[in-house]
Every structure is written in C-alpha cells, then in structure tokens.
C-alpha cells in the first residue's frame, strides 16, 4: 500500500492525469482509507483551480499590496 509520503510525492502527477493505471489505482486505494490525504488532494485541486484563474500578465499594484500586507502583519 502507498504511504502518505509517497502519495504527496506523486500528487501532482495524479492530479494532472500523468500516472500509469497501476499507480492511479494505488493512489485511489490509499485515498479510500486516508482522510488526511483526501483533504490534501482536495486542497491541491482548489489551489490548481485558483492558479488557473490568475492573470498571465503581472499586476503592477500586486507587489506594493503584498508589501503593505506584510507590514500590517508585522505590526508596522
């Protein structure tokens, strides 16, 4: 049976549909019995969906916004 560490290592290939049949079956068997890995895969799918929606071109204001948020978090 696949370990959690092995699942994490192959998760990108799994989500991209790049695993061979035997590997996909091993991942699915592991996911059937491991709620932590099911949660991890769900989070990875959400992350991929969000990244696909980001614009391809850089947003000039984004750097200054990130800097300001970091300052707020540090209490400045």
PDB file of N, CA and C in Angstrom:
ATOM      1  N   UNK A   1       0.835  -1.181   0.000  1.00  0.00           N
ATOM      2  CA  UNK A   1       0.000   0.000   0.000  1.00  0.00           C
ATOM      3  C   UNK A   1       0.881   1.245   0.000  1.00  0.00           C
ATOM      4  N   UNK A   2       0.405   2.269  -0.638  1.00  0.00           N
ATOM      5  CA  UNK A   2       1.102   3.540  -0.759  1.00  0.00           C
ATOM      6  C   UNK A   2       1.121   4.255   0.600  1.00  0.00           C
ATOM      7  N   UNK A   3       2.240   4.869   0.943  1.00  0.00           N
ATOM      8  CA  UNK A   3       2.305   5.651   2.179  1.00  0.00           C
ATOM      9  C   UNK A   3       1.843   7.085   1.895  1.00  0.00           C
ATOM     10  N   UNK A   4       1.564   7.827   2.937  1.00  0.00           N
ATOM     11  CA  UNK A   4       1.163   9.229   2.777  1.00  0.00           C
ATOM     12  C   UNK A   4       2.268  10.029   2.083  1.00  0.00           C
ATOM     13  N   UNK A   5       3.500   9.764   2.465  1.00  0.00           N
ATOM     14  CA  UNK A   5       4.632  10.466   1.863  1.00  0.00           C
ATOM     15  C   UNK A   5       4.717  10.170   0.369  1.00  0.00           C
ATOM     16  N   UNK A   6       4.500   8.932  -0.027  1.00  0.00           N
ATOM     17  CA  UNK A   6       4.530   8.563  -1.443  1.00  0.00           C
ATOM     18  C   UNK A   6       3.369   9.207  -2.198  1.00  0.00           C
ATOM     19  N   UNK A   7       2.212   9.290  -1.544  1.00  0.00           N
ATOM     20  CA  UNK A   7       1.075   9.937  -2.196  1.00  0.00           C
ATOM     21  C   UNK A   7       1.368  11.412  -2.450  1.00  0.00           C
ATOM     22  N   UNK A   8       1.898  12.095  -1.457  1.00  0.00           N
ATOM     23  CA  UNK A   8       2.227  13.508  -1.616  1.00  0.00           C
ATOM     24  C   UNK A   8       3.227  13.688  -2.761  1.00  0.00           C
ATOM     25  N   UNK A   9       4.214  12.803  -2.837  1.00  0.00           N
ATOM     26  CA  UNK A   9       5.231  12.901  -3.887  1.00  0.00           C
ATOM     27  C   UNK A   9       4.642  12.723  -5.287  1.00  0.00           C
ATOM     28  N   UNK A  10       3.585  11.942  -5.395  1.00  0.00           N
ATOM     29  CA  UNK A  10       3.001  11.692  -6.724  1.00  0.00           C
ATOM     30  C   UNK A  10       1.703  12.464  -6.944  1.00  0.00           C
ATOM     31  N   UNK A  11       1.333  13.345  -6.030  1.00  0.00           N
ATOM     32  CA  UNK A  11       0.046  14.028  -6.112  1.00  0.00           C
ATOM     33  C   UNK A  11      -0.097  14.912  -7.354  1.00  0.00           C
ATOM     34  N   UNK A  12       0.943  15.630  -7.732  1.00  0.00           N
ATOM     35  CA  UNK A  12       0.849  16.484  -8.920  1.00  0.00           C
ATOM     36  C   UNK A  12       0.617  15.656 -10.173  1.00  0.00           C
ATOM     37  N   UNK A  13       1.358  14.576 -10.305  1.00  0.00           N
ATOM     38  CA  UNK A  13       1.162  13.697 -11.459  1.00  0.00           C
ATOM     39  C   UNK A  13      -0.232  13.084 -11.441  1.00  0.00           C
ATOM     40  N   UNK A  14      -0.728  12.738 -10.269  1.00  0.00           N
ATOM     41  CA  UNK A  14      -2.073  12.185 -10.144  1.00  0.00           C
ATOM     42  C   UNK A  14      -3.109  13.202 -10.606  1.00  0.00           C
ATOM     43  N   UNK A  15      -2.999  14.424 -10.111  1.00  0.00           N
ATOM     44  CA  UNK A  15      -3.967  15.458 -10.460  1.00  0.00           C
ATOM     45  C   UNK A  15      -3.881  15.856 -11.930  1.00  0.00           C
ATOM     46  N   UNK A  16      -2.707  15.730 -12.511  1.00  0.00           N
ATOM     47  CA  UNK A  16      -2.523  16.060 -13.928  1.00  0.00           C
ATOM     48  C   UNK A  16      -2.850  14.885 -14.848  1.00  0.00           C
ATOM     49  N   UNK A  17      -3.240  13.747 -14.261  1.00  0.00           N
ATOM     50  CA  UNK A  17      -3.579  12.575 -15.072  1.00  0.00           C
ATOM     51  C   UNK A  17      -2.378  11.930 -15.727  1.00  0.00           C
ATOM     52  N   UNK A  18      -1.227  11.993 -15.081  1.00  0.00           N
ATOM     53  CA  UNK A  18       0.013  11.511 -15.675  1.00  0.00           C
ATOM     54  C   UNK A  18       0.503  10.185 -15.091  1.00  0.00           C
ATOM     55  N   UNK A  19      -0.283   9.585 -14.213  1.00  0.00           N
ATOM     56  CA  UNK A  19       0.135   8.314 -13.623  1.00  0.00           C
ATOM     57  C   UNK A  19      -0.344   7.140 -14.479  1.00  0.00           C
ATOM     58  N   UNK A  20       0.435   6.065 -14.443  1.00  0.00           N
ATOM     59  CA  UNK A  20       0.001   4.833 -15.105  1.00  0.00           C
ATOM     60  C   UNK A  20      -1.125   4.215 -14.300  1.00  0.00           C
ATOM     61  N   UNK A  21      -1.841   3.299 -14.910  1.00  0.00           N
ATOM     62  CA  UNK A  21      -3.019   2.689 -14.296  1.00  0.00           C
ATOM     63  C   UNK A  21      -2.709   2.120 -12.915  1.00  0.00           C
ATOM     64  N   UNK A  22      -1.632   1.369 -12.796  1.00  0.00           N
ATOM     65  CA  UNK A  22      -1.284   0.754 -11.513  1.00  0.00           C
ATOM     66  C   UNK A  22      -1.038   1.815 -10.438  1.00  0.00           C
ATOM     67  N   UNK A  23      -0.383   2.907 -10.816  1.00  0.00           N
ATOM     68  CA  UNK A  23      -0.113   3.987  -9.862  1.00  0.00           C
ATOM     69  C   UNK A  23      -1.414   4.696  -9.461  1.00  0.00           C
ATOM     70  N   UNK A  24      -2.301   4.934 -10.439  1.00  0.00           N
ATOM     71  CA  UNK A  24      -3.593   5.564 -10.133  1.00  0.00           C
ATOM     72  C   UNK A  24      -4.400   4.711  -9.175  1.00  0.00           C
ATOM     73  N   UNK A  25      -4.392   3.410  -9.392  1.00  0.00           N
ATOM     74  CA  UNK A  25      -5.121   2.502  -8.506  1.00  0.00           C
ATOM     75  C   UNK A  25      -4.551   2.575  -7.096  1.00  0.00           C
ATOM     76  N   UNK A  26      -3.218   2.594  -6.983  1.00  0.00           N
ATOM     77  CA  UNK A  26      -2.575   2.676  -5.662  1.00  0.00           C
ATOM     78  C   UNK A  26      -2.964   3.972  -4.949  1.00  0.00           C
ATOM     79  N   UNK A  27      -2.986   5.073  -5.693  1.00  0.00           N
ATOM     80  CA  UNK A  27      -3.371   6.359  -5.103  1.00  0.00           C
ATOM     81  C   UNK A  27      -4.822   6.304  -4.640  1.00  0.00           C
ATOM     82  N   UNK A  28      -5.697   5.797  -5.487  1.00  0.00           N
ATOM     83  CA  UNK A  28      -7.127   5.743  -5.139  1.00  0.00           C
ATOM     84  C   UNK A  28      -7.382   4.824  -3.936  1.00  0.00           C
ATOM     85  N   UNK A  29      -6.666   3.719  -3.864  1.00  0.00           N
ATOM     86  CA  UNK A  29      -6.808   2.828  -2.712  1.00  0.00           C
ATOM     87  C   UNK A  29      -6.375   3.536  -1.425  1.00  0.00           C
ATOM     88  N   UNK A  30      -5.276   4.256  -1.505  1.00  0.00           N
ATOM     89  CA  UNK A  30      -4.805   4.992  -0.337  1.00  0.00           C
ATOM     90  C   UNK A  30      -5.822   6.061   0.065  1.00  0.00           C
ATOM     91  N   UNK A  31      -6.335   6.799  -0.928  1.00  0.00           N
ATOM     92  CA  UNK A  31      -7.295   7.857  -0.633  1.00  0.00           C
ATOM     93  C   UNK A  31      -8.575   7.306  -0.004  1.00  0.00           C
ATOM     94  N   UNK A  32      -8.932   6.096  -0.370  1.00  0.00           N
ATOM     95  CA  UNK A  32     -10.144   5.481   0.182  1.00  0.00           C
ATOM     96  C   UNK A  32     -10.026   5.259   1.693  1.00  0.00           C
ATOM     97  N   UNK A  33      -8.796   5.122   2.177  1.00  0.00           N
ATOM     98  CA  UNK A  33      -8.622   4.820   3.601  1.00  0.00           C
ATOM     99  C   UNK A  33      -7.944   5.927   4.402  1.00  0.00           C
ATOM    100  N   UNK A  34      -7.582   7.030   3.763  1.00  0.00           N
ATOM    101  CA  UNK A  34      -6.825   8.078   4.471  1.00  0.00           C
ATOM    102  C   UNK A  34      -7.506   9.445   4.310  1.00  0.00           C
ATOM    103  N   UNK A  35      -8.176   9.876   5.342  1.00  0.00           N
ATOM    104  CA  UNK A  35      -8.897  11.154   5.270  1.00  0.00           C
ATOM    105  C   UNK A  35      -7.941  12.348   5.168  1.00  0.00           C
ATOM    106  N   UNK A  36      -6.762  12.241   5.765  1.00  0.00           N
ATOM    107  CA  UNK A  36      -5.793  13.346   5.670  1.00  0.00           C
ATOM    108  C   UNK A  36      -5.335  13.551   4.230  1.00  0.00           C
ATOM    109  N   UNK A  37      -5.081  12.475   3.529  1.00  0.00           N
ATOM    110  CA  UNK A  37      -4.642  12.592   2.141  1.00  0.00           C
ATOM    111  C   UNK A  37      -5.787  13.032   1.232  1.00  0.00           C
ATOM    112  N   UNK A  38      -7.013  12.605   1.544  1.00  0.00           N
ATOM    113  CA  UNK A  38      -8.167  13.088   0.776  1.00  0.00           C
ATOM    114  C   UNK A  38      -8.284  14.597   0.920  1.00  0.00           C
ATOM    115  N   UNK A  39      -8.092  15.106   2.148  1.00  0.00           N
ATOM    116  CA  UNK A  39      -8.125  16.546   2.396  1.00  0.00           C
ATOM    117  C   UNK A  39      -6.997  17.235   1.626  1.00  0.00           C
ATOM    118  N   UNK A  40      -5.820  16.645   1.641  1.00  0.00           N
ATOM    119  CA  UNK A  40      -4.674  17.211   0.926  1.00  0.00           C
ATOM    120  C   UNK A  40      -4.967  17.321  -0.569  1.00  0.00           C
ATOM    121  N   UNK A  41      -5.517  16.257  -1.162  1.00  0.00           N
ATOM    122  CA  UNK A  41      -5.823  16.264  -2.594  1.00  0.00           C
ATOM    123  C   UNK A  41      -6.900  17.306  -2.903  1.00  0.00           C
ATOM    124  N   UNK A  42      -7.894  17.435  -2.043  1.00  0.00           N
ATOM    125  CA  UNK A  42      -8.926  18.474  -2.244  1.00  0.00           C
ATOM    126  C   UNK A  42      -8.291  19.859  -2.226  1.00  0.00           C
ATOM    127  N   UNK A  43      -7.393  20.090  -1.278  1.00  0.00           N
ATOM    128  CA  UNK A  43      -6.713  21.384  -1.192  1.00  0.00           C
ATOM    129  C   UNK A  43      -5.854  21.638  -2.433  1.00  0.00           C
ATOM    130  N   UNK A  44      -5.205  20.603  -2.917  1.00  0.00           N
ATOM    131  CA  UNK A  44      -4.392  20.738  -4.140  1.00  0.00           C
ATOM    132  C   UNK A  44      -5.279  21.095  -5.340  1.00  0.00           C
ATOM    133  N   UNK A  45      -6.449  20.471  -5.438  1.00  0.00           N
ATOM    134  CA  UNK A  45      -7.375  20.781  -6.542  1.00  0.00           C
ATOM    135  C   UNK A  45      -7.843  22.229  -6.471  1.00  0.00           C
ATOM    136  N   UNK A  46      -8.148  22.705  -5.281  1.00  0.00           N
ATOM    137  CA  UNK A  46      -8.569  24.097  -5.111  1.00  0.00           C
ATOM    138  C   UNK A  46      -7.423  25.033  -5.496  1.00  0.00           C
ATOM    139  N   UNK A  47      -6.227  24.710  -5.048  1.00  0.00           N
ATOM    140  CA  UNK A  47      -5.055  25.526  -5.378  1.00  0.00           C
ATOM    141  C   UNK A  47      -4.846  25.595  -6.880  1.00  0.00           C
ATOM    142  N   UNK A  48      -4.933  24.460  -7.566  1.00  0.00           N
ATOM    143  CA  UNK A  48      -4.791  24.443  -9.025  1.00  0.00           C
ATOM    144  C   UNK A  48      -5.855  25.303  -9.692  1.00  0.00           C
ATOM    145  N   UNK A  49      -7.091  25.211  -9.223  1.00  0.00           N
ATOM    146  CA  UNK A  49      -8.186  25.989  -9.811  1.00  0.00           C
ATOM    147  C   UNK A  49      -7.945  27.486  -9.632  1.00  0.00           C
ATOM    148  N   UNK A  50      -7.479  27.879  -8.450  1.00  0.00           N
ATOM    149  CA  UNK A  50      -7.199  29.297  -8.199  1.00  0.00           C
ATOM    150  C   UNK A  50      -6.054  29.770  -9.089  1.00  0.00           C
ATOM    151  N   UNK A  51      -5.014  28.979  -9.196  1.00  0.00           N
ATOM    152  CA  UNK A  51      -3.866  29.370 -10.019  1.00  0.00           C
ATOM    153  C   UNK A  51      -4.243  29.507 -11.491  1.00  0.00           C
ATOM    154  N   UNK A  52      -5.149  28.657 -11.963  1.00  0.00           N
ATOM    155  CA  UNK A  52      -5.590  28.758 -13.363  1.00  0.00           C
ATOM    156  C   UNK A  52      -6.330  30.065 -13.630  1.00  0.00           C
ATOM    157  N   UNK A  53      -6.951  30.627 -12.603  1.00  0.00           N
ATOM    158  CA  UNK A  53      -7.731  31.848 -12.777  1.00  0.00           C
ATOM    159  C   UNK A  53      -6.889  33.123 -12.662  1.00  0.00           C
ATOM    160  N   UNK A  54      -5.661  32.992 -12.216  1.00  0.00           N
ATOM    161  CA  UNK A  54      -4.800  34.166 -12.107  1.00  0.00           C
ATOM    162  C   UNK A  54      -4.442  34.684 -13.504  1.00  0.00           C
ATOM    163  N   UNK A  55      -4.316  35.982 -13.650  1.00  0.00           N
ATOM    164  CA  UNK A  55      -3.950  36.533 -14.959  1.00  0.00           C
ATOM    165  C   UNK A  55      -2.521  36.150 -15.337  1.00  0.00           C
ATOM    166  N   UNK A  56      -2.284  36.013 -16.628  1.00  0.00           N
ATOM    167  CA  UNK A  56      -0.949  35.671 -17.116  1.00  0.00           C
ATOM    168  C   UNK A  56       0.018  36.847 -17.009  1.00  0.00           C
ATOM    169  N   UNK A  57      -0.511  38.043 -17.137  1.00  0.00           N
ATOM    170  CA  UNK A  57       0.345  39.230 -17.098  1.00  0.00           C
ATOM    171  C   UNK A  57       0.504  39.714 -15.659  1.00  0.00           C
ATOM    172  N   UNK A  58       1.698  40.241 -15.331  1.00  0.00           N
ATOM    173  CA  UNK A  58       1.910  40.742 -13.970  1.00  0.00           C
ATOM    174  C   UNK A  58       1.003  41.935 -13.665  1.00  0.00           C
ATOM    175  N   UNK A  59       0.618  42.051 -12.423  1.00  0.00           N
ATOM    176  CA  UNK A  59      -0.212  43.171 -11.970  1.00  0.00           C
ATOM    177  C   UNK A  59       0.703  44.104 -11.178  1.00  0.00           C
ATOM    178  N   UNK A  60       0.958  45.310 -11.693  1.00  0.00           N
ATOM    179  CA  UNK A  60       1.919  46.214 -11.044  1.00  0.00           C
ATOM    180  C   UNK A  60       1.597  46.511  -9.584  1.00  0.00           C
ATOM    181  N   UNK A  61       0.336  46.656  -9.263  1.00  0.00           N
ATOM    182  CA  UNK A  61      -0.048  47.015  -7.897  1.00  0.00           C
ATOM    183  C   UNK A  61       0.139  45.856  -6.920  1.00  0.00           C
ATOM    184  N   UNK A  62       0.290  44.653  -7.435  1.00  0.00           N
ATOM    185  CA  UNK A  62       0.339  43.478  -6.575  1.00  0.00           C
ATOM    186  C   UNK A  62       1.553  43.491  -5.640  1.00  0.00           C
ATOM    187  N   UNK A  63       2.708  43.895  -6.145  1.00  0.00           N
ATOM    188  CA  UNK A  63       3.906  43.940  -5.299  1.00  0.00           C
ATOM    189  C   UNK A  63       3.749  44.925  -4.150  1.00  0.00           C
ATOM    190  N   UNK A  64       3.214  46.103  -4.437  1.00  0.00           N
ATOM    191  CA  UNK A  64       3.043  47.092  -3.372  1.00  0.00           C
ATOM    192  C   UNK A  64       1.975  46.634  -2.380  1.00  0.00           C
ATOM    193  N   UNK A  65       0.936  45.965  -2.865  1.00  0.00           N
ATOM    194  CA  UNK A  65      -0.090  45.431  -1.973  1.00  0.00           C
ATOM    195  C   UNK A  65       0.498  44.347  -1.065  1.00  0.00           C
ATOM    196  N   UNK A  66       1.289  43.452  -1.630  1.00  0.00           N
ATOM    197  CA  UNK A  66       1.911  42.390  -0.835  1.00  0.00           C
ATOM    198  C   UNK A  66       2.843  42.980   0.222  1.00  0.00           C
ATOM    199  N   UNK A  67       3.584  44.007  -0.147  1.00  0.00           N
ATOM    200  CA  UNK A  67       4.487  44.655   0.798  1.00  0.00           C
ATOM    201  C   UNK A  67       3.696  45.296   1.935  1.00  0.00           C
ATOM    202  N   UNK A  68       2.607  45.956   1.589  1.00  0.00           N
ATOM    203  CA  UNK A  68       1.777  46.619   2.607  1.00  0.00           C
ATOM    204  C   UNK A  68       1.143  45.591   3.552  1.00  0.00           C
ATOM    205  N   UNK A  69       0.655  44.479   2.998  1.00  0.00           N
ATOM    206  CA  UNK A  69       0.076  43.422   3.834  1.00  0.00           C
ATOM    207  C   UNK A  69       1.108  42.821   4.778  1.00  0.00           C
ATOM    208  N   UNK A  70       2.349  42.657   4.303  1.00  0.00           N
ATOM    209  CA  UNK A  70       3.412  42.140   5.146  1.00  0.00           C
ATOM    210  C   UNK A  70       3.715  43.103   6.289  1.00  0.00           C
ATOM    211  N   UNK A  71       3.697  44.392   5.988  1.00  0.00           N
ATOM    212  CA  UNK A  71       3.936  45.404   7.026  1.00  0.00           C
ATOM    213  C   UNK A  71       2.822  45.383   8.074  1.00  0.00           C
ATOM    214  N   UNK A  72       1.580  45.257   7.604  1.00  0.00           N
ATOM    215  CA  UNK A  72       0.453  45.203   8.537  1.00  0.00           C
ATOM    216  C   UNK A  72       0.584  43.979   9.441  1.00  0.00           C
ATOM    217  N   UNK A  73       0.947  42.853   8.835  1.00  0.00           N
ATOM    218  CA  UNK A  73       1.084  41.615   9.612  1.00  0.00           C
ATOM    219  C   UNK A  73       2.184  41.748  10.672  1.00  0.00           C
ATOM    220  N   UNK A  74       3.234  42.479  10.346  1.00  0.00           N
ATOM    221  CA  UNK A  74       4.339  42.668  11.289  1.00  0.00           C
ATOM    222  C   UNK A  74       4.054  43.785  12.297  1.00  0.00           C
ATOM    223  N   UNK A  75       2.917  44.439  12.153  1.00  0.00           N
ATOM    224  CA  UNK A  75       2.503  45.454  13.108  1.00  0.00           C
ATOM    225  C   UNK A  75       3.137  46.810  12.895  1.00  0.00           C
ATOM    226  N   UNK A  76       3.521  47.111  11.690  1.00  0.00           N
ATOM    227  CA  UNK A  76       4.120  48.426  11.413  1.00  0.00           C
ATOM    228  C   UNK A  76       3.084  49.439  11.029  1.00  0.00           C
TER     229      UNK A  76
END
